[in-house]
Amino acid sequence: MTADFCHLRNLLQHRLDLIADHAFRDRDAAAHLAALQKVSEDLVAEHAKLRESLPPRLNHFLTQASFSKALEYLLQG
């Protein structure tokens, strides 16, 4: 994985970590939802920034919001 994709990988991992953080969700559902919305917006922005340099398969995963597949792709590369 190139350095250019490290931020993308981190955003994808952060999104999965947030989804799995049931304690955060149970403690403050509104803040949990806001955090998920923020990371989703950051992912969209990062995808737009990198779109031209992304491998076609990774671009497809991100376009289809298959974020787990996108993360898996990056971790394998």
Protein backbone atom coordinates (compact mmCIF):
# COMPACT_ATOMS: atom_id res chain seq x y z
CA MET A 1 0.00 0.00 0.00
CA THR A 2 1.34 3.37 -0.93
CA ALA A 3 1.58 6.21 1.58
CA ASP A 4 -1.19 7.95 -0.36
CA PHE A 5 -3.63 5.27 0.72
CA CYS A 6 -2.65 5.16 4.42
CA HIS A 7 -5.14 7.88 5.36
CA LEU A 8 -7.86 6.07 3.43
CA ARG A 9 -7.04 2.82 5.25
CA ASN A 10 -7.12 4.62 8.60
CA LEU A 11 -10.51 6.16 7.83
CA LEU A 12 -11.93 2.79 6.82
CA GLN A 13 -10.59 1.16 9.98
CA HIS A 14 -11.89 4.02 12.13
CA ARG A 15 -15.36 3.58 10.63
CA LEU A 16 -15.39 -0.12 11.46
CA ASP A 17 -14.12 0.58 14.97
CA LEU A 18 -16.90 3.13 15.51
CA ILE A 19 -19.55 0.72 14.30
CA ALA A 20 -18.25 -1.92 16.72
CA ASP A 21 -18.13 0.51 19.67
CA HIS A 22 -21.43 -0.41 21.28
CA ALA A 23 -20.42 1.16 24.59
CA PHE A 24 -20.04 4.56 22.88
CA ARG A 25 -23.36 4.09 21.09
CA ASP A 26 -25.15 3.12 24.30
CA ARG A 27 -23.57 5.95 26.28
CA ASP A 28 -24.27 8.73 23.77
CA ALA A 29 -26.22 7.70 20.68
CA ALA A 30 -26.25 11.21 19.20
CA ALA A 31 -22.47 11.62 19.49
CA HIS A 32 -21.95 8.11 18.09
CA LEU A 33 -24.11 8.94 15.09
CA ALA A 34 -22.30 12.26 14.61
CA ALA A 35 -18.93 10.47 14.68
CA LEU A 36 -20.16 7.96 12.08
CA GLN A 37 -21.44 10.79 9.89
CA LYS A 38 -18.10 12.63 10.17
CA VAL A 39 -16.01 9.60 9.21
CA SER A 40 -18.39 8.88 6.32
CA GLU A 41 -17.99 12.44 5.04
CA ASP A 42 -14.21 12.14 5.41
CA LEU A 43 -14.28 8.88 3.42
CA VAL A 44 -16.26 10.51 0.61
CA ALA A 45 -13.81 13.41 0.49
CA GLU A 46 -10.77 11.13 0.53
CA HIS A 47 -12.28 8.98 -2.22
CA ALA A 48 -12.88 12.07 -4.35
CA LYS A 49 -9.31 13.25 -3.76
CA LEU A 50 -7.77 9.89 -4.69
CA ARG A 51 -10.24 8.71 -7.34
CA GLU A 52 -7.89 9.21 -10.30
CA SER A 53 -5.05 7.26 -8.68
CA LEU A 54 -7.08 4.36 -7.27
CA PRO A 55 -6.93 0.88 -8.73
CA PRO A 56 -10.25 0.15 -10.49
CA ARG A 57 -11.32 -2.53 -8.03
CA LEU A 58 -10.69 -0.29 -4.99
CA ASN A 59 -12.53 2.56 -6.70
CA HIS A 60 -15.47 0.21 -7.29
CA PHE A 61 -15.60 -0.81 -3.63
CA LEU A 62 -15.57 2.81 -2.50
CA THR A 63 -18.13 3.90 -5.10
CA GLN A 64 -20.47 1.12 -3.93
CA ALA A 65 -19.79 1.92 -0.24
CA SER A 66 -18.37 -1.57 0.25
CA PHE A 67 -16.06 -0.22 2.92
CA SER A 68 -15.17 -3.57 4.49
CA LYS A 69 -14.12 -4.88 1.09
CA ALA A 70 -12.13 -1.70 0.46
CA LEU A 71 -10.28 -2.11 3.74
CA GLU A 72 -9.61 -5.77 3.01
CA TYR A 73 -8.26 -4.82 -0.42
CA LEU A 74 -5.89 -2.28 1.13
CA LEU A 75 -4.70 -4.67 3.82
CA GLN A 76 -3.91 -7.35 1.24
CA GLY A 77 -1.95 -4.97 -0.97
